[in-house]
């Protein structure tokens, strides 16, 4: 069992000689997720406790009952990890987490266009640099907050100009 576990999950390693504590990463669709598994002394997976990173918790949200069921039905840790990875693959596909990140030019263009617009107008930007919240003032000096969702090929300057035109 041990050699199969390490072979299939080289980033998930036992931390003690009893092999009741495993820590590291499991890889699903080229993404690594942090996982710690605490097995009881008899190493029964049914009684194992799982500790995972927030990304893995987020991805497993809504699948907890399936993970628990697979944990109860798996005869050993190797089988359970395989089942867990299957659930994760389904979760990744259903949540479209597999999308690719934009090329570096996207970010360079975004920064360049924000410099043109003025950084003072930026109220918020999400961690993926796809959602912006900008402040604008119309011709009557009323303040507006614009929520903009970007696609990788949209020119921010054009979006801003269009928004200002509609505010006037």
N, C-alpha and C. Protein backbone atom coordinates (compact mmCIF):
# COMPACT_ATOMS: atom_id res chain seq x y z
N UNK A 1 0.83 -1.19 0.00
CA UNK A 1 0.00 0.00 0.00
C UNK A 1 0.87 1.25 0.00
N UNK A 2 1.89 1.28 0.85
CA UNK A 2 2.74 2.45 1.00
C UNK A 2 3.40 2.86 -0.31
N UNK A 3 3.97 1.89 -1.02
CA UNK A 3 4.67 2.23 -2.26
C UNK A 3 3.70 2.75 -3.32
N UNK A 4 2.50 2.19 -3.36
CA UNK A 4 1.50 2.66 -4.31
C UNK A 4 1.05 4.08 -3.98
N UNK A 5 0.89 4.38 -2.70
CA UNK A 5 0.48 5.72 -2.28
C UNK A 5 1.53 6.75 -2.68
N UNK A 6 2.78 6.47 -2.41
CA UNK A 6 3.87 7.40 -2.74
C UNK A 6 4.03 7.51 -4.25
N UNK A 7 3.87 6.40 -4.95
CA UNK A 7 4.01 6.42 -6.41
C UNK A 7 2.92 7.28 -7.05
N UNK A 8 1.68 7.11 -6.59
CA UNK A 8 0.56 7.86 -7.16
C UNK A 8 0.46 9.29 -6.64
N UNK A 9 1.01 9.53 -5.47
CA UNK A 9 0.94 10.85 -4.82
C UNK A 9 2.30 11.20 -4.23
N UNK A 10 3.27 11.50 -5.07
CA UNK A 10 4.63 11.70 -4.56
C UNK A 10 4.79 12.92 -3.64
N UNK A 11 3.81 13.80 -3.62
CA UNK A 11 3.90 14.98 -2.76
C UNK A 11 3.15 14.81 -1.44
N UNK A 12 2.60 13.62 -1.21
CA UNK A 12 1.90 13.32 0.04
C UNK A 12 2.72 12.25 0.77
N UNK A 13 3.36 12.65 1.85
CA UNK A 13 4.32 11.77 2.51
C UNK A 13 3.96 11.49 3.96
N UNK A 14 4.34 10.30 4.45
CA UNK A 14 4.11 10.01 5.87
C UNK A 14 5.07 10.83 6.73
N UNK A 15 4.57 11.31 7.86
CA UNK A 15 5.40 12.12 8.74
C UNK A 15 5.92 11.35 9.94
N UNK A 16 5.40 10.15 10.15
CA UNK A 16 5.88 9.35 11.27
C UNK A 16 6.10 7.91 10.82
N UNK A 17 6.87 7.16 11.62
CA UNK A 17 7.19 5.78 11.22
C UNK A 17 5.98 4.85 11.30
N UNK A 18 4.97 5.23 12.09
CA UNK A 18 3.74 4.43 12.17
C UNK A 18 2.85 4.63 10.94
N UNK A 19 3.18 5.65 10.17
CA UNK A 19 2.42 6.00 8.96
C UNK A 19 0.95 6.27 9.28
N UNK A 20 0.77 7.07 10.32
CA UNK A 20 -0.59 7.49 10.69
C UNK A 20 -0.82 8.97 10.41
N UNK A 21 0.25 9.68 10.04
CA UNK A 21 0.12 11.09 9.70
C UNK A 21 0.76 11.30 8.33
N UNK A 22 -0.05 11.81 7.41
CA UNK A 22 0.44 12.13 6.07
C UNK A 22 0.22 13.61 5.84
N UNK A 23 1.19 14.23 5.19
CA UNK A 23 1.07 15.66 4.91
C UNK A 23 1.70 15.94 3.56
N UNK A 24 1.13 16.90 2.87
CA UNK A 24 1.68 17.29 1.58
C UNK A 24 0.60 17.76 0.64
N UNK A 25 0.72 17.33 -0.60
CA UNK A 25 -0.19 17.79 -1.64
C UNK A 25 -0.71 16.62 -2.45
N UNK A 26 -1.95 16.76 -2.90
CA UNK A 26 -2.46 15.85 -3.91
C UNK A 26 -2.65 16.68 -5.17
N UNK A 27 -2.39 16.06 -6.30
CA UNK A 27 -2.44 16.77 -7.57
C UNK A 27 -3.63 16.27 -8.38
N UNK A 28 -4.45 17.22 -8.81
CA UNK A 28 -5.61 16.92 -9.64
C UNK A 28 -5.63 17.93 -10.78
N UNK A 29 -5.65 17.42 -12.00
CA UNK A 29 -5.66 18.26 -13.20
C UNK A 29 -4.58 19.34 -13.13
N UNK A 30 -3.39 18.93 -12.80
CA UNK A 30 -2.20 19.78 -12.75
C UNK A 30 -2.29 20.88 -11.69
N UNK A 31 -3.17 20.71 -10.72
CA UNK A 31 -3.26 21.66 -9.60
C UNK A 31 -2.95 20.90 -8.32
N UNK A 32 -2.17 21.53 -7.45
CA UNK A 32 -1.80 20.91 -6.18
C UNK A 32 -2.66 21.47 -5.06
N UNK A 33 -3.15 20.58 -4.20
CA UNK A 33 -3.96 20.96 -3.06
C UNK A 33 -3.33 20.40 -1.79
N UNK A 34 -3.17 21.27 -0.80
CA UNK A 34 -2.56 20.87 0.47
C UNK A 34 -3.52 19.99 1.26
N UNK A 35 -2.99 18.90 1.80
CA UNK A 35 -3.82 17.95 2.55
C UNK A 35 -3.00 17.32 3.66
N UNK A 36 -3.62 17.20 4.82
CA UNK A 36 -3.03 16.47 5.95
C UNK A 36 -4.05 15.42 6.38
N UNK A 37 -3.59 14.20 6.53
CA UNK A 37 -4.46 13.10 6.92
C UNK A 37 -3.94 12.53 8.23
N UNK A 38 -4.83 12.45 9.21
CA UNK A 38 -4.49 11.88 10.52
C UNK A 38 -5.27 10.58 10.67
N UNK A 39 -4.55 9.48 10.64
CA UNK A 39 -5.18 8.16 10.79
C UNK A 39 -5.11 7.72 12.25
N UNK A 40 -6.09 6.93 12.70
CA UNK A 40 -5.99 6.38 14.06
C UNK A 40 -4.88 5.32 14.09
N UNK A 41 -4.49 4.86 15.28
CA UNK A 41 -3.40 3.87 15.38
C UNK A 41 -3.62 2.61 14.54
N UNK A 42 -4.88 2.20 14.36
CA UNK A 42 -5.13 1.00 13.55
C UNK A 42 -5.17 1.32 12.04
N UNK A 43 -4.95 2.57 11.69
CA UNK A 43 -4.87 3.07 10.31
C UNK A 43 -6.14 2.84 9.49
N UNK A 44 -7.27 2.81 10.15
CA UNK A 44 -8.55 2.68 9.46
C UNK A 44 -8.95 4.03 8.87
N UNK A 45 -9.17 4.06 7.58
CA UNK A 45 -9.53 5.30 6.89
C UNK A 45 -10.86 5.84 7.39
N UNK A 46 -11.74 4.96 7.84
CA UNK A 46 -13.07 5.38 8.31
C UNK A 46 -12.98 6.39 9.45
N UNK A 47 -11.94 6.28 10.27
CA UNK A 47 -11.77 7.15 11.43
C UNK A 47 -10.78 8.28 11.18
N UNK A 48 -10.31 8.41 9.96
CA UNK A 48 -9.30 9.42 9.64
C UNK A 48 -9.88 10.83 9.72
N UNK A 49 -9.02 11.77 10.07
CA UNK A 49 -9.38 13.19 10.05
C UNK A 49 -8.60 13.84 8.92
N UNK A 50 -9.31 14.67 8.17
CA UNK A 50 -8.69 15.36 7.04
C UNK A 50 -8.60 16.85 7.35
N UNK A 51 -7.46 17.43 7.04
CA UNK A 51 -7.26 18.87 7.15
C UNK A 51 -6.77 19.33 5.79
N UNK A 52 -7.44 20.33 5.23
CA UNK A 52 -7.04 20.75 3.89
C UNK A 52 -7.00 22.26 3.76
N UNK A 53 -6.35 22.70 2.71
CA UNK A 53 -6.22 24.13 2.43
C UNK A 53 -7.58 24.71 2.07
N UNK A 54 -7.66 26.02 2.11
CA UNK A 54 -8.95 26.67 1.85
C UNK A 54 -9.43 26.43 0.42
N UNK A 55 -8.50 26.31 -0.53
CA UNK A 55 -8.91 26.06 -1.91
C UNK A 55 -9.59 24.70 -2.03
N UNK A 56 -9.03 23.72 -1.34
CA UNK A 56 -9.60 22.38 -1.37
C UNK A 56 -10.95 22.36 -0.65
N UNK A 57 -11.04 23.06 0.47
CA UNK A 57 -12.33 23.15 1.18
C UNK A 57 -13.38 23.79 0.28
N UNK A 58 -13.00 24.86 -0.39
CA UNK A 58 -13.92 25.56 -1.29
C UNK A 58 -14.38 24.63 -2.42
N UNK A 59 -13.45 23.91 -2.98
CA UNK A 59 -13.76 23.01 -4.08
C UNK A 59 -14.66 21.85 -3.64
N UNK A 60 -14.47 21.38 -2.42
CA UNK A 60 -15.26 20.25 -1.91
C UNK A 60 -16.61 20.67 -1.33
N UNK A 61 -16.84 21.99 -1.26
CA UNK A 61 -18.12 22.47 -0.73
C UNK A 61 -19.26 21.90 -1.56
N UNK A 62 -20.18 21.24 -0.90
CA UNK A 62 -21.29 20.59 -1.59
C UNK A 62 -21.02 19.12 -1.88
N UNK A 63 -19.78 18.70 -1.73
CA UNK A 63 -19.42 17.30 -1.96
C UNK A 63 -19.03 16.59 -0.67
N UNK A 64 -19.20 17.27 0.47
CA UNK A 64 -18.75 16.70 1.75
C UNK A 64 -19.36 15.33 2.02
N UNK A 65 -20.66 15.19 1.74
CA UNK A 65 -21.32 13.90 2.00
C UNK A 65 -20.74 12.79 1.13
N UNK A 66 -20.34 13.12 -0.08
CA UNK A 66 -19.74 12.11 -0.96
C UNK A 66 -18.36 11.71 -0.44
N UNK A 67 -17.58 12.71 -0.02
CA UNK A 67 -16.25 12.43 0.52
C UNK A 67 -16.38 11.54 1.77
N UNK A 68 -17.32 11.88 2.64
CA UNK A 68 -17.52 11.09 3.86
C UNK A 68 -17.94 9.65 3.51
N UNK A 69 -18.82 9.53 2.53
CA UNK A 69 -19.26 8.20 2.10
C UNK A 69 -18.08 7.40 1.55
N UNK A 70 -17.28 8.03 0.71
CA UNK A 70 -16.11 7.34 0.13
C UNK A 70 -15.11 6.98 1.22
N UNK A 71 -14.99 7.85 2.21
CA UNK A 71 -14.08 7.57 3.33
C UNK A 71 -14.56 6.33 4.09
N UNK A 72 -15.86 6.22 4.31
CA UNK A 72 -16.42 5.07 5.04
C UNK A 72 -16.30 3.77 4.25
N UNK A 73 -16.35 3.87 2.92
CA UNK A 73 -16.35 2.67 2.08
C UNK A 73 -14.96 2.23 1.62
N UNK A 74 -13.98 3.09 1.74
CA UNK A 74 -12.64 2.76 1.24
C UNK A 74 -11.91 1.82 2.20
N UNK A 75 -11.37 0.73 1.68
CA UNK A 75 -10.68 -0.23 2.55
C UNK A 75 -9.30 0.24 3.01
N UNK A 76 -8.70 1.18 2.26
CA UNK A 76 -7.37 1.66 2.64
C UNK A 76 -7.17 3.09 2.14
N UNK A 77 -6.06 3.67 2.54
CA UNK A 77 -5.77 5.07 2.21
C UNK A 77 -5.57 5.28 0.71
N UNK A 78 -4.93 4.34 0.04
CA UNK A 78 -4.70 4.46 -1.40
C UNK A 78 -6.04 4.58 -2.14
N UNK A 79 -6.96 3.71 -1.79
CA UNK A 79 -8.28 3.73 -2.42
C UNK A 79 -9.01 5.04 -2.13
N UNK A 80 -8.93 5.48 -0.87
CA UNK A 80 -9.61 6.71 -0.51
C UNK A 80 -9.04 7.92 -1.26
N UNK A 81 -7.73 8.01 -1.36
CA UNK A 81 -7.11 9.14 -2.08
C UNK A 81 -7.55 9.12 -3.54
N UNK A 82 -7.61 7.95 -4.13
CA UNK A 82 -8.08 7.84 -5.51
C UNK A 82 -9.52 8.32 -5.64
N UNK A 83 -10.37 7.93 -4.69
CA UNK A 83 -11.77 8.37 -4.68
C UNK A 83 -11.85 9.89 -4.48
N UNK A 84 -11.04 10.41 -3.58
CA UNK A 84 -11.03 11.85 -3.32
C UNK A 84 -10.63 12.62 -4.58
N UNK A 85 -9.64 12.12 -5.28
CA UNK A 85 -9.21 12.77 -6.52
C UNK A 85 -10.32 12.75 -7.58
N UNK A 86 -11.07 11.67 -7.62
CA UNK A 86 -12.19 11.58 -8.57
C UNK A 86 -13.24 12.64 -8.26
N UNK A 87 -13.56 12.79 -6.98
CA UNK A 87 -14.52 13.82 -6.56
C UNK A 87 -13.99 15.21 -6.92
N UNK A 88 -12.71 15.43 -6.70
CA UNK A 88 -12.11 16.73 -7.02
C UNK A 88 -12.16 17.02 -8.52
N UNK A 89 -11.92 16.01 -9.33
CA UNK A 89 -11.99 16.21 -10.78
C UNK A 89 -13.39 16.64 -11.19
N UNK A 90 -14.39 16.02 -10.61
CA UNK A 90 -15.78 16.39 -10.90
C UNK A 90 -16.03 17.83 -10.45
N UNK A 91 -15.55 18.17 -9.26
CA UNK A 91 -15.72 19.52 -8.74
C UNK A 91 -15.04 20.56 -9.60
N UNK A 92 -13.85 20.25 -10.06
CA UNK A 92 -13.13 21.19 -10.92
C UNK A 92 -13.86 21.40 -12.25
N UNK A 93 -14.36 20.33 -12.81
CA UNK A 93 -15.07 20.45 -14.09
C UNK A 93 -16.37 21.23 -13.92
N UNK A 94 -17.10 20.96 -12.85
CA UNK A 94 -18.40 21.61 -12.68
C UNK A 94 -18.26 23.08 -12.30
N UNK A 95 -17.18 23.45 -11.70
CA UNK A 95 -17.00 24.84 -11.29
C UNK A 95 -16.14 25.63 -12.25
N UNK A 96 -15.76 25.02 -13.33
CA UNK A 96 -14.94 25.69 -14.36
C UNK A 96 -13.68 26.29 -13.76
N UNK A 97 -13.08 25.58 -12.83
CA UNK A 97 -11.86 26.06 -12.19
C UNK A 97 -10.64 25.85 -13.09
N UNK A 98 -10.84 25.16 -14.19
CA UNK A 98 -9.71 24.81 -15.04
C UNK A 98 -9.37 25.87 -16.07
N UNK A 99 -9.99 27.01 -16.01
CA UNK A 99 -9.73 28.02 -17.03
C UNK A 99 -8.28 28.49 -16.93
N UNK A 100 -7.77 28.87 -18.06
CA UNK A 100 -6.37 29.29 -18.09
C UNK A 100 -6.26 30.76 -17.71
N UNK A 101 -5.10 31.12 -17.21
CA UNK A 101 -4.88 32.51 -16.85
C UNK A 101 -4.49 33.29 -18.10
N UNK A 102 -4.80 34.57 -18.12
CA UNK A 102 -4.46 35.38 -19.30
C UNK A 102 -2.94 35.49 -19.45
N UNK A 103 -2.50 35.82 -20.65
CA UNK A 103 -1.06 35.98 -20.88
C UNK A 103 -0.55 37.25 -20.18
N UNK A 104 0.75 37.36 -20.01
CA UNK A 104 1.33 38.54 -19.34
C UNK A 104 0.94 39.86 -20.01
N UNK A 105 0.71 39.84 -21.32
CA UNK A 105 0.33 41.06 -22.02
C UNK A 105 -0.99 41.63 -21.49
N UNK A 106 -1.89 40.76 -21.05
CA UNK A 106 -3.17 41.20 -20.49
C UNK A 106 -2.93 42.11 -19.29
N UNK A 107 -2.06 41.65 -18.40
CA UNK A 107 -1.78 42.42 -17.18
C UNK A 107 -1.02 43.70 -17.50
N UNK A 108 -0.09 43.62 -18.44
CA UNK A 108 0.66 44.81 -18.84
C UNK A 108 -0.29 45.85 -19.43
N UNK A 109 -1.22 45.40 -20.25
CA UNK A 109 -2.19 46.32 -20.86
C UNK A 109 -3.11 46.91 -19.80
N UNK A 110 -3.55 46.08 -18.86
CA UNK A 110 -4.42 46.56 -17.78
C UNK A 110 -3.72 47.66 -16.97
N UNK A 111 -2.48 47.43 -16.63
CA UNK A 111 -1.71 48.43 -15.86
C UNK A 111 -1.54 49.70 -16.68
N UNK A 112 -1.19 49.55 -17.94
CA UNK A 112 -1.00 50.71 -18.81
C UNK A 112 -2.29 51.53 -18.92
N UNK A 113 -3.40 50.85 -19.10
CA UNK A 113 -4.67 51.57 -19.25
C UNK A 113 -5.13 52.18 -17.93
N UNK A 114 -4.81 51.54 -16.82
CA UNK A 114 -5.15 52.15 -15.52
C UNK A 114 -4.31 53.40 -15.30
N UNK A 115 -3.07 53.39 -15.76
CA UNK A 115 -2.24 54.58 -15.65
C UNK A 115 -2.83 55.72 -16.48
N UNK A 116 -3.38 55.38 -17.64
CA UNK A 116 -4.01 56.39 -18.49
C UNK A 116 -5.27 56.95 -17.83
N UNK A 117 -6.09 56.06 -17.27
CA UNK A 117 -7.33 56.49 -16.62
C UNK A 117 -7.07 57.21 -15.30
N UNK A 118 -6.06 56.76 -14.61
CA UNK A 118 -5.73 57.31 -13.30
C UNK A 118 -6.05 56.31 -12.20
N UNK A 119 -5.04 55.97 -11.42
CA UNK A 119 -5.20 54.98 -10.36
C UNK A 119 -6.18 55.44 -9.29
N UNK A 120 -6.38 56.74 -9.18
CA UNK A 120 -7.31 57.27 -8.19
C UNK A 120 -8.76 56.88 -8.45
N UNK A 121 -9.05 56.47 -9.67
CA UNK A 121 -10.42 56.05 -10.02
C UNK A 121 -10.69 54.59 -9.66
N UNK A 122 -9.64 53.86 -9.36
CA UNK A 122 -9.79 52.44 -9.04
C UNK A 122 -10.15 52.28 -7.57
N UNK A 123 -11.32 51.69 -7.32
CA UNK A 123 -11.77 51.44 -5.94
C UNK A 123 -11.47 50.01 -5.50
N UNK A 124 -11.52 49.08 -6.46
CA UNK A 124 -11.37 47.66 -6.13
C UNK A 124 -10.95 46.91 -7.37
N UNK A 125 -10.13 45.89 -7.18
CA UNK A 125 -9.83 44.93 -8.24
C UNK A 125 -9.71 43.56 -7.59
N UNK A 126 -10.32 42.55 -8.20
CA UNK A 126 -10.30 41.22 -7.59
C UNK A 126 -8.95 40.54 -7.83
N UNK A 127 -8.76 39.40 -7.20
CA UNK A 127 -7.47 38.72 -7.27
C UNK A 127 -7.16 38.16 -8.65
N UNK A 128 -8.17 38.00 -9.49
CA UNK A 128 -7.93 37.50 -10.86
C UNK A 128 -7.78 38.65 -11.86
N UNK A 129 -7.89 39.88 -11.39
CA UNK A 129 -7.77 41.07 -12.23
C UNK A 129 -8.81 41.06 -13.35
N UNK A 130 -10.00 40.58 -13.03
CA UNK A 130 -11.08 40.52 -14.02
C UNK A 130 -12.25 41.41 -13.64
N UNK A 131 -12.39 41.73 -12.37
CA UNK A 131 -13.50 42.57 -11.92
C UNK A 131 -12.92 43.84 -11.32
N UNK A 132 -13.34 44.97 -11.88
CA UNK A 132 -12.88 46.27 -11.40
C UNK A 132 -14.07 47.06 -10.88
N UNK A 133 -13.82 47.87 -9.89
CA UNK A 133 -14.82 48.83 -9.43
C UNK A 133 -14.15 50.19 -9.56
N UNK A 134 -14.74 51.03 -10.40
CA UNK A 134 -14.18 52.35 -10.68
C UNK A 134 -15.17 53.43 -10.25
N UNK A 135 -14.63 54.58 -9.87
CA UNK A 135 -15.52 55.69 -9.56
C UNK A 135 -15.50 56.66 -10.74
N UNK A 136 -16.66 57.24 -10.97
CA UNK A 136 -16.81 58.18 -12.08
C UNK A 136 -17.69 59.33 -11.63
N UNK A 137 -17.54 60.45 -12.32
CA UNK A 137 -18.36 61.62 -12.02
C UNK A 137 -18.98 62.08 -13.33
N UNK A 138 -20.31 62.28 -13.32
CA UNK A 138 -20.97 62.72 -14.55
C UNK A 138 -20.91 64.24 -14.68
N UNK A 139 -21.50 64.77 -15.75
CA UNK A 139 -21.41 66.21 -16.02
C UNK A 139 -22.12 67.05 -14.96
N UNK A 140 -23.02 66.44 -14.19
CA UNK A 140 -23.69 67.15 -13.10
C UNK A 140 -22.96 66.95 -11.78
N UNK A 141 -21.76 66.41 -11.85
CA UNK A 141 -20.88 66.19 -10.69
C UNK A 141 -21.44 65.15 -9.71
N UNK A 142 -22.30 64.26 -10.22
CA UNK A 142 -22.79 63.16 -9.39
C UNK A 142 -21.77 62.03 -9.43
N UNK A 143 -21.59 61.40 -8.30
CA UNK A 143 -20.63 60.30 -8.19
C UNK A 143 -21.31 58.98 -8.58
N UNK A 144 -20.58 58.15 -9.31
CA UNK A 144 -21.07 56.84 -9.72
C UNK A 144 -19.99 55.81 -9.45
N UNK A 145 -20.41 54.61 -9.14
CA UNK A 145 -19.48 53.49 -9.01
C UNK A 145 -19.80 52.52 -10.13
N UNK A 146 -18.79 52.20 -10.91
CA UNK A 146 -18.95 51.32 -12.06
C UNK A 146 -18.32 49.97 -11.75
N UNK A 147 -19.09 48.91 -11.88
CA UNK A 147 -18.57 47.55 -11.73
C UNK A 147 -18.33 47.01 -13.13
N UNK A 148 -17.09 46.63 -13.40
CA UNK A 148 -16.71 46.18 -14.74
C UNK A 148 -16.11 44.79 -14.65
N UNK A 149 -16.64 43.88 -15.46
CA UNK A 149 -16.07 42.54 -15.58
C UNK A 149 -15.35 42.48 -16.92
N UNK A 150 -14.06 42.21 -16.88
CA UNK A 150 -13.24 42.22 -18.09
C UNK A 150 -13.07 40.83 -18.67
N UNK A 151 -12.97 40.80 -19.98
CA UNK A 151 -12.52 39.61 -20.67
C UNK A 151 -11.08 39.90 -21.05
N UNK A 152 -10.32 38.90 -21.38
CA UNK A 152 -8.89 39.10 -21.58
C UNK A 152 -8.55 40.01 -22.76
N UNK A 153 -9.48 40.24 -23.69
CA UNK A 153 -9.15 41.05 -24.86
C UNK A 153 -9.83 42.41 -24.87
N UNK A 154 -10.51 42.77 -23.80
CA UNK A 154 -11.22 44.04 -23.76
C UNK A 154 -10.26 45.16 -23.40
N UNK A 155 -10.37 46.28 -24.08
CA UNK A 155 -9.56 47.44 -23.75
C UNK A 155 -10.29 48.25 -22.68
N UNK A 156 -9.67 48.40 -21.54
CA UNK A 156 -10.27 49.09 -20.41
C UNK A 156 -10.56 50.55 -20.75
N UNK A 157 -9.66 51.18 -21.48
CA UNK A 157 -9.83 52.59 -21.83
C UNK A 157 -11.13 52.79 -22.62
N UNK A 158 -11.40 51.87 -23.55
CA UNK A 158 -12.63 51.96 -24.34
C UNK A 158 -13.85 51.75 -23.46
N UNK A 159 -13.79 50.79 -22.54
CA UNK A 159 -14.90 50.54 -21.61
C UNK A 159 -15.15 51.79 -20.78
N UNK A 160 -14.09 52.38 -20.27
CA UNK A 160 -14.21 53.59 -19.44
C UNK A 160 -14.84 54.72 -20.25
N UNK A 161 -14.37 54.94 -21.47
CA UNK A 161 -14.90 56.00 -22.33
C UNK A 161 -16.39 55.78 -22.59
N UNK A 162 -16.77 54.53 -22.87
CA UNK A 162 -18.18 54.21 -23.11
C UNK A 162 -19.02 54.47 -21.86
N UNK A 163 -18.49 54.12 -20.70
CA UNK A 163 -19.23 54.33 -19.45
C UNK A 163 -19.41 55.82 -19.18
N UNK A 164 -18.38 56.60 -19.41
CA UNK A 164 -18.46 58.04 -19.17
C UNK A 164 -19.49 58.66 -20.11
N UNK A 165 -19.50 58.20 -21.35
CA UNK A 165 -20.47 58.71 -22.33
C UNK A 165 -21.89 58.46 -21.85
N UNK A 166 -22.13 57.28 -21.27
CA UNK A 166 -23.47 56.94 -20.79
C UNK A 166 -23.84 57.69 -19.51
N UNK A 167 -22.85 58.15 -18.76
CA UNK A 167 -23.13 58.90 -17.52
C UNK A 167 -23.53 60.34 -17.81
N UNK A 168 -23.08 60.88 -18.93
CA UNK A 168 -23.38 62.30 -19.25
C UNK A 168 -24.83 62.52 -19.56
